[in-house]
Amino acid sequence: DERADDVRRIYSTTDASEALLLMRKYGVEYVYVGRLESLYYPRAGLEKFDNALSEQLENVYQNEEVKVYRLREG
């Protein structure tokens, strides 16, 4: 399934531009990174949400196990 593959790619890729393009393709508004995502996806892929995509994503919620980001307009 193309969509499932794209979701895996969003979380796994270290290429911020590719992840952003895929998020916009599906109209993603929020990205959830919790315990399950931390188990299944590489750390480098998840770190891009805090680092390379920090200008495009706003951290709207965080606790010890979960981060939720909102994709900014534009």
PDB file of N, CA and C in Angstrom:
ATOM      1  N   ASP A   1       0.838  -1.175   0.000  1.00  0.00           N
ATOM      2  CA  ASP A   1       0.000   0.000   0.000  1.00  0.00           C
ATOM      3  C   ASP A   1       0.893   1.251   0.000  1.00  0.00           C
ATOM      4  N   GLU A   2       0.682   2.115  -0.962  1.00  0.00           N
ATOM      5  CA  GLU A   2       1.519   3.311  -1.120  1.00  0.00           C
ATOM      6  C   GLU A   2       1.477   4.222   0.104  1.00  0.00           C
ATOM      7  N   ARG A   3       0.293   4.425   0.654  1.00  0.00           N
ATOM      8  CA  ARG A   3       0.172   5.329   1.803  1.00  0.00           C
ATOM      9  C   ARG A   3       0.941   4.786   3.009  1.00  0.00           C
ATOM     10  N   ALA A   4       0.820   3.496   3.290  1.00  0.00           N
ATOM     11  CA  ALA A   4       1.546   2.886   4.413  1.00  0.00           C
ATOM     12  C   ALA A   4       3.054   3.001   4.206  1.00  0.00           C
ATOM     13  N   ASP A   5       3.498   2.803   2.977  1.00  0.00           N
ATOM     14  CA  ASP A   5       4.931   2.963   2.670  1.00  0.00           C
ATOM     15  C   ASP A   5       5.373   4.408   2.887  1.00  0.00           C
ATOM     16  N   ASP A   6       4.522   5.345   2.494  1.00  0.00           N
ATOM     17  CA  ASP A   6       4.860   6.761   2.666  1.00  0.00           C
ATOM     18  C   ASP A   6       4.914   7.152   4.141  1.00  0.00           C
ATOM     19  N   VAL A   7       4.025   6.609   4.952  1.00  0.00           N
ATOM     20  CA  VAL A   7       4.048   6.885   6.391  1.00  0.00           C
ATOM     21  C   VAL A   7       5.351   6.361   6.986  1.00  0.00           C
ATOM     22  N   ARG A   8       5.732   5.140   6.620  1.00  0.00           N
ATOM     23  CA  ARG A   8       7.004   4.593   7.096  1.00  0.00           C
ATOM     24  C   ARG A   8       8.165   5.478   6.669  1.00  0.00           C
ATOM     25  N   ARG A   9       8.093   5.985   5.465  1.00  0.00           N
ATOM     26  CA  ARG A   9       9.163   6.842   4.946  1.00  0.00           C
ATOM     27  C   ARG A   9       9.223   8.170   5.709  1.00  0.00           C
ATOM     28  N   ILE A  10       8.080   8.747   6.024  1.00  0.00           N
ATOM     29  CA  ILE A  10       8.047  10.007   6.788  1.00  0.00           C
ATOM     30  C   ILE A  10       8.801   9.847   8.100  1.00  0.00           C
ATOM     31  N   TYR A  11       8.541   8.758   8.797  1.00  0.00           N
ATOM     32  CA  TYR A  11       9.182   8.535  10.093  1.00  0.00           C
ATOM     33  C   TYR A  11      10.636   8.079   9.970  1.00  0.00           C
ATOM     34  N   SER A  12      10.971   7.364   8.919  1.00  0.00           N
ATOM     35  CA  SER A  12      12.295   6.733   8.806  1.00  0.00           C
ATOM     36  C   SER A  12      13.361   7.591   8.138  1.00  0.00           C
ATOM     37  N   THR A  13      12.977   8.349   7.144  1.00  0.00           N
ATOM     38  CA  THR A  13      13.968   9.084   6.361  1.00  0.00           C
ATOM     39  C   THR A  13      14.672  10.157   7.190  1.00  0.00           C
ATOM     40  N   THR A  14      15.923  10.372   6.859  1.00  0.00           N
ATOM     41  CA  THR A  14      16.654  11.488   7.452  1.00  0.00           C
ATOM     42  C   THR A  14      16.605  12.711   6.538  1.00  0.00           C
ATOM     43  N   ASP A  15      15.992  12.551   5.383  1.00  0.00           N
ATOM     44  CA  ASP A  15      15.853  13.634   4.411  1.00  0.00           C
ATOM     45  C   ASP A  15      14.617  14.463   4.764  1.00  0.00           C
ATOM     46  N   ALA A  16      14.823  15.591   5.394  1.00  0.00           N
ATOM     47  CA  ALA A  16      13.721  16.439   5.848  1.00  0.00           C
ATOM     48  C   ALA A  16      12.832  16.901   4.695  1.00  0.00           C
ATOM     49  N   SER A  17      13.426  17.192   3.549  1.00  0.00           N
ATOM     50  CA  SER A  17      12.645  17.656   2.394  1.00  0.00           C
ATOM     51  C   SER A  17      11.696  16.569   1.918  1.00  0.00           C
ATOM     52  N   GLU A  18      12.168  15.347   1.887  1.00  0.00           N
ATOM     53  CA  GLU A  18      11.329  14.221   1.465  1.00  0.00           C
ATOM     54  C   GLU A  18      10.174  14.027   2.451  1.00  0.00           C
ATOM     55  N   ALA A  19      10.464  14.071   3.743  1.00  0.00           N
ATOM     56  CA  ALA A  19       9.427  13.903   4.749  1.00  0.00           C
ATOM     57  C   ALA A  19       8.385  15.015   4.639  1.00  0.00           C
ATOM     58  N   LEU A  20       8.834  16.236   4.469  1.00  0.00           N
ATOM     59  CA  LEU A  20       7.924  17.374   4.350  1.00  0.00           C
ATOM     60  C   LEU A  20       7.038  17.241   3.114  1.00  0.00           C
ATOM     61  N   LEU A  21       7.619  16.850   1.999  1.00  0.00           N
ATOM     62  CA  LEU A  21       6.859  16.647   0.767  1.00  0.00           C
ATOM     63  C   LEU A  21       5.771  15.596   0.973  1.00  0.00           C
ATOM     64  N   LEU A  22       6.107  14.491   1.618  1.00  0.00           N
ATOM     65  CA  LEU A  22       5.125  13.433   1.854  1.00  0.00           C
ATOM     66  C   LEU A  22       4.045  13.889   2.830  1.00  0.00           C
ATOM     67  N   MET A  23       4.412  14.644   3.855  1.00  0.00           N
ATOM     68  CA  MET A  23       3.411  15.147   4.794  1.00  0.00           C
ATOM     69  C   MET A  23       2.430  16.081   4.094  1.00  0.00           C
ATOM     70  N   ARG A  24       2.938  16.923   3.239  1.00  0.00           N
ATOM     71  CA  ARG A  24       2.066  17.849   2.499  1.00  0.00           C
ATOM     72  C   ARG A  24       1.188  17.094   1.500  1.00  0.00           C
ATOM     73  N   LYS A  25       1.725  16.029   0.907  1.00  0.00           N
ATOM     74  CA  LYS A  25       0.963  15.196  -0.045  1.00  0.00           C
ATOM     75  C   LYS A  25      -0.318  14.671   0.596  1.00  0.00           C
ATOM     76  N   TYR A  26      -0.251  14.303   1.870  1.00  0.00           N
ATOM     77  CA  TYR A  26      -1.392  13.727   2.563  1.00  0.00           C
ATOM     78  C   TYR A  26      -2.130  14.727   3.460  1.00  0.00           C
ATOM     79  N   GLY A  27      -1.737  15.970   3.435  1.00  0.00           N
ATOM     80  CA  GLY A  27      -2.416  16.978   4.236  1.00  0.00           C
ATOM     81  C   GLY A  27      -2.240  16.763   5.725  1.00  0.00           C
ATOM     82  N   VAL A  28      -1.071  16.265   6.114  1.00  0.00           N
ATOM     83  CA  VAL A  28      -0.787  16.015   7.525  1.00  0.00           C
ATOM     84  C   VAL A  28      -0.822  17.336   8.293  1.00  0.00           C
ATOM     85  N   GLU A  29      -1.515  17.330   9.411  1.00  0.00           N
ATOM     86  CA  GLU A  29      -1.547  18.498  10.283  1.00  0.00           C
ATOM     87  C   GLU A  29      -0.731  18.268  11.545  1.00  0.00           C
ATOM     88  N   TYR A  30      -0.739  17.024  12.043  1.00  0.00           N
ATOM     89  CA  TYR A  30      -0.029  16.683  13.273  1.00  0.00           C
ATOM     90  C   TYR A  30       0.809  15.428  13.073  1.00  0.00           C
ATOM     91  N   VAL A  31       1.953  15.386  13.745  1.00  0.00           N
ATOM     92  CA  VAL A  31       2.823  14.211  13.743  1.00  0.00           C
ATOM     93  C   VAL A  31       2.957  13.758  15.186  1.00  0.00           C
ATOM     94  N   TYR A  32       2.684  12.479  15.421  1.00  0.00           N
ATOM     95  CA  TYR A  32       2.748  11.884  16.754  1.00  0.00           C
ATOM     96  C   TYR A  32       3.977  10.990  16.825  1.00  0.00           C
ATOM     97  N   VAL A  33       4.812  11.207  17.814  1.00  0.00           N
ATOM     98  CA  VAL A  33       5.978  10.349  18.039  1.00  0.00           C
ATOM     99  C   VAL A  33       5.908   9.865  19.483  1.00  0.00           C
ATOM    100  N   GLY A  34       5.586   8.585  19.631  1.00  0.00           N
ATOM    101  CA  GLY A  34       5.455   7.996  20.953  1.00  0.00           C
ATOM    102  C   GLY A  34       6.312   6.750  21.093  1.00  0.00           C
ATOM    103  N   ARG A  35       5.956   5.946  22.062  1.00  0.00           N
ATOM    104  CA  ARG A  35       6.721   4.730  22.355  1.00  0.00           C
ATOM    105  C   ARG A  35       6.781   3.792  21.150  1.00  0.00           C
ATOM    106  N   LEU A  36       5.669   3.569  20.486  1.00  0.00           N
ATOM    107  CA  LEU A  36       5.625   2.659  19.338  1.00  0.00           C
ATOM    108  C   LEU A  36       6.523   3.144  18.209  1.00  0.00           C
ATOM    109  N   GLU A  37       6.442   4.427  17.904  1.00  0.00           N
ATOM    110  CA  GLU A  37       7.284   4.983  16.833  1.00  0.00           C
ATOM    111  C   GLU A  37       8.764   4.864  17.205  1.00  0.00           C
ATOM    112  N   SER A  38       9.074   5.060  18.460  1.00  0.00           N
ATOM    113  CA  SER A  38      10.467   4.942  18.919  1.00  0.00           C
ATOM    114  C   SER A  38      10.988   3.520  18.805  1.00  0.00           C
ATOM    115  N   LEU A  39      10.106   2.543  18.907  1.00  0.00           N
ATOM    116  CA  LEU A  39      10.504   1.143  18.766  1.00  0.00           C
ATOM    117  C   LEU A  39      10.680   0.733  17.308  1.00  0.00           C
ATOM    118  N   TYR A  40       9.837   1.265  16.426  1.00  0.00           N
ATOM    119  CA  TYR A  40       9.805   0.808  15.035  1.00  0.00           C
ATOM    120  C   TYR A  40      10.637   1.621  14.049  1.00  0.00           C
ATOM    121  N   TYR A  41      10.937   2.854  14.378  1.00  0.00           N
ATOM    122  CA  TYR A  41      11.630   3.712  13.411  1.00  0.00           C
ATOM    123  C   TYR A  41      13.000   4.108  13.935  1.00  0.00           C
ATOM    124  N   PRO A  42      13.960   4.314  13.027  1.00  0.00           N
ATOM    125  CA  PRO A  42      15.319   4.669  13.466  1.00  0.00           C
ATOM    126  C   PRO A  42      15.362   6.035  14.152  1.00  0.00           C
ATOM    127  N   ARG A  43      16.210   6.120  15.154  1.00  0.00           N
ATOM    128  CA  ARG A  43      16.350   7.362  15.922  1.00  0.00           C
ATOM    129  C   ARG A  43      16.669   8.551  15.018  1.00  0.00           C
ATOM    130  N   ALA A  44      17.565   8.350  14.048  1.00  0.00           N
ATOM    131  CA  ALA A  44      17.950   9.446  13.142  1.00  0.00           C
ATOM    132  C   ALA A  44      16.742   9.963  12.369  1.00  0.00           C
ATOM    133  N   GLY A  45      15.835   9.067  12.008  1.00  0.00           N
ATOM    134  CA  GLY A  45      14.622   9.486  11.306  1.00  0.00           C
ATOM    135  C   GLY A  45      13.705  10.308  12.188  1.00  0.00           C
ATOM    136  N   LEU A  46      13.602   9.938  13.455  1.00  0.00           N
ATOM    137  CA  LEU A  46      12.731  10.662  14.381  1.00  0.00           C
ATOM    138  C   LEU A  46      13.342  11.984  14.830  1.00  0.00           C
ATOM    139  N   GLU A  47      14.643  12.042  14.908  1.00  0.00           N
ATOM    140  CA  GLU A  47      15.315  13.273  15.353  1.00  0.00           C
ATOM    141  C   GLU A  47      15.110  14.437  14.396  1.00  0.00           C
ATOM    142  N   LYS A  48      14.814  14.148  13.146  1.00  0.00           N
ATOM    143  CA  LYS A  48      14.629  15.248  12.182  1.00  0.00           C
ATOM    144  C   LYS A  48      13.459  16.144  12.559  1.00  0.00           C
ATOM    145  N   PHE A  49      12.471  15.597  13.289  1.00  0.00           N
ATOM    146  CA  PHE A  49      11.324  16.412  13.687  1.00  0.00           C
ATOM    147  C   PHE A  49      11.743  17.538  14.631  1.00  0.00           C
ATOM    148  N   ASP A  50      12.738  17.294  15.470  1.00  0.00           N
ATOM    149  CA  ASP A  50      13.251  18.327  16.377  1.00  0.00           C
ATOM    150  C   ASP A  50      14.334  19.181  15.743  1.00  0.00           C
ATOM    151  N   ASN A  51      15.033  18.630  14.771  1.00  0.00           N
ATOM    152  CA  ASN A  51      16.201  19.312  14.214  1.00  0.00           C
ATOM    153  C   ASN A  51      15.917  19.917  12.841  1.00  0.00           C
ATOM    154  N   ALA A  52      16.018  19.125  11.813  1.00  0.00           N
ATOM    155  CA  ALA A  52      15.924  19.632  10.440  1.00  0.00           C
ATOM    156  C   ALA A  52      14.557  20.224  10.105  1.00  0.00           C
ATOM    157  N   LEU A  53      13.520  19.758  10.783  1.00  0.00           N
ATOM    158  CA  LEU A  53      12.173  20.269  10.487  1.00  0.00           C
ATOM    159  C   LEU A  53      11.662  21.244  11.546  1.00  0.00           C
ATOM    160  N   SER A  54      12.544  21.750  12.379  1.00  0.00           N
ATOM    161  CA  SER A  54      12.111  22.623  13.476  1.00  0.00           C
ATOM    162  C   SER A  54      11.447  23.913  13.000  1.00  0.00           C
ATOM    163  N   GLU A  55      11.775  24.369  11.802  1.00  0.00           N
ATOM    164  CA  GLU A  55      11.140  25.581  11.255  1.00  0.00           C
ATOM    165  C   GLU A  55       9.729  25.292  10.733  1.00  0.00           C
ATOM    166  N   GLN A  56       9.493  24.056  10.281  1.00  0.00           N
ATOM    167  CA  GLN A  56       8.200  23.692   9.701  1.00  0.00           C
ATOM    168  C   GLN A  56       7.242  23.070  10.710  1.00  0.00           C
ATOM    169  N   LEU A  57       7.780  22.571  11.822  1.00  0.00           N
ATOM    170  CA  LEU A  57       6.957  21.909  12.825  1.00  0.00           C
ATOM    171  C   LEU A  57       7.021  22.643  14.153  1.00  0.00           C
ATOM    172  N   GLU A  58       5.878  22.724  14.807  1.00  0.00           N
ATOM    173  CA  GLU A  58       5.809  23.304  16.144  1.00  0.00           C
ATOM    174  C   GLU A  58       5.507  22.184  17.129  1.00  0.00           C
ATOM    175  N   ASN A  59       6.289  22.070  18.184  1.00  0.00           N
ATOM    176  CA  ASN A  59       6.035  21.074  19.223  1.00  0.00           C
ATOM    177  C   ASN A  59       4.873  21.586  20.062  1.00  0.00           C
ATOM    178  N   VAL A  60       3.723  20.892  19.980  1.00  0.00           N
ATOM    179  CA  VAL A  60       2.531  21.353  20.693  1.00  0.00           C
ATOM    180  C   VAL A  60       2.243  20.562  21.952  1.00  0.00           C
ATOM    181  N   TYR A  61       2.909  19.413  22.119  1.00  0.00           N
ATOM    182  CA  TYR A  61       2.740  18.615  23.329  1.00  0.00           C
ATOM    183  C   TYR A  61       3.962  17.743  23.516  1.00  0.00           C
ATOM    184  N   GLN A  62       4.329  17.550  24.788  1.00  0.00           N
ATOM    185  CA  GLN A  62       5.474  16.696  25.070  1.00  0.00           C
ATOM    186  C   GLN A  62       5.399  16.197  26.507  1.00  0.00           C
ATOM    187  N   ASN A  63       5.712  14.910  26.686  1.00  0.00           N
ATOM    188  CA  ASN A  63       5.948  14.366  28.010  1.00  0.00           C
ATOM    189  C   ASN A  63       7.125  13.398  27.893  1.00  0.00           C
ATOM    190  N   GLU A  64       7.338  12.527  28.852  1.00  0.00           N
ATOM    191  CA  GLU A  64       8.509  11.656  28.823  1.00  0.00           C
ATOM    192  C   GLU A  64       8.523  10.694  27.638  1.00  0.00           C
ATOM    193  N   GLU A  65       7.350  10.303  27.152  1.00  0.00           N
ATOM    194  CA  GLU A  65       7.273   9.284  26.102  1.00  0.00           C
ATOM    195  C   GLU A  65       6.669   9.759  24.798  1.00  0.00           C
ATOM    196  N   VAL A  66       6.097  10.926  24.768  1.00  0.00           N
ATOM    197  CA  VAL A  66       5.343  11.369  23.597  1.00  0.00           C
ATOM    198  C   VAL A  66       5.711  12.797  23.211  1.00  0.00           C
ATOM    199  N   LYS A  67       5.779  13.010  21.899  1.00  0.00           N
ATOM    200  CA  LYS A  67       5.880  14.367  21.351  1.00  0.00           C
ATOM    201  C   LYS A  67       4.848  14.481  20.242  1.00  0.00           C
ATOM    202  N   VAL A  68       4.162  15.599  20.201  1.00  0.00           N
ATOM    203  CA  VAL A  68       3.210  15.880  19.139  1.00  0.00           C
ATOM    204  C   VAL A  68       3.612  17.187  18.485  1.00  0.00           C
ATOM    205  N   TYR A  69       3.728  17.149  17.171  1.00  0.00           N
ATOM    206  CA  TYR A  69       4.131  18.317  16.396  1.00  0.00           C
ATOM    207  C   TYR A  69       2.974  18.734  15.496  1.00  0.00           C
ATOM    208  N   ARG A  70       2.859  20.033  15.267  1.00  0.00           N
ATOM    209  CA  ARG A  70       1.883  20.567  14.316  1.00  0.00           C
ATOM    210  C   ARG A  70       2.650  21.143  13.134  1.00  0.00           C
ATOM    211  N   LEU A  71       2.220  20.759  11.948  1.00  0.00           N
ATOM    212  CA  LEU A  71       2.840  21.285  10.735  1.00  0.00           C
ATOM    213  C   LEU A  71       2.350  22.712  10.517  1.00  0.00           C
ATOM    214  N   ARG A  72       3.291  23.632  10.403  1.00  0.00           N
ATOM    215  CA  ARG A  72       2.938  25.040  10.193  1.00  0.00           C
ATOM    216  C   ARG A  72       2.450  25.244   8.767  1.00  0.00           C
ATOM    217  N   GLU A  73       1.653  26.259   8.583  1.00  0.00           N
ATOM    218  CA  GLU A  73       1.128  26.606   7.244  1.00  0.00           C
ATOM    219  C   GLU A  73       2.279  27.008   6.329  1.00  0.00           C
ATOM    220  N   GLY A  74       2.044  26.797   5.024  1.00  0.00           N
ATOM    221  CA  GLY A  74       3.025  27.246   4.044  1.00  0.00           C
ATOM    222  C   GLY A  74       3.945  26.180   3.729  1.00  0.00           C
TER     223      GLY A  74
END
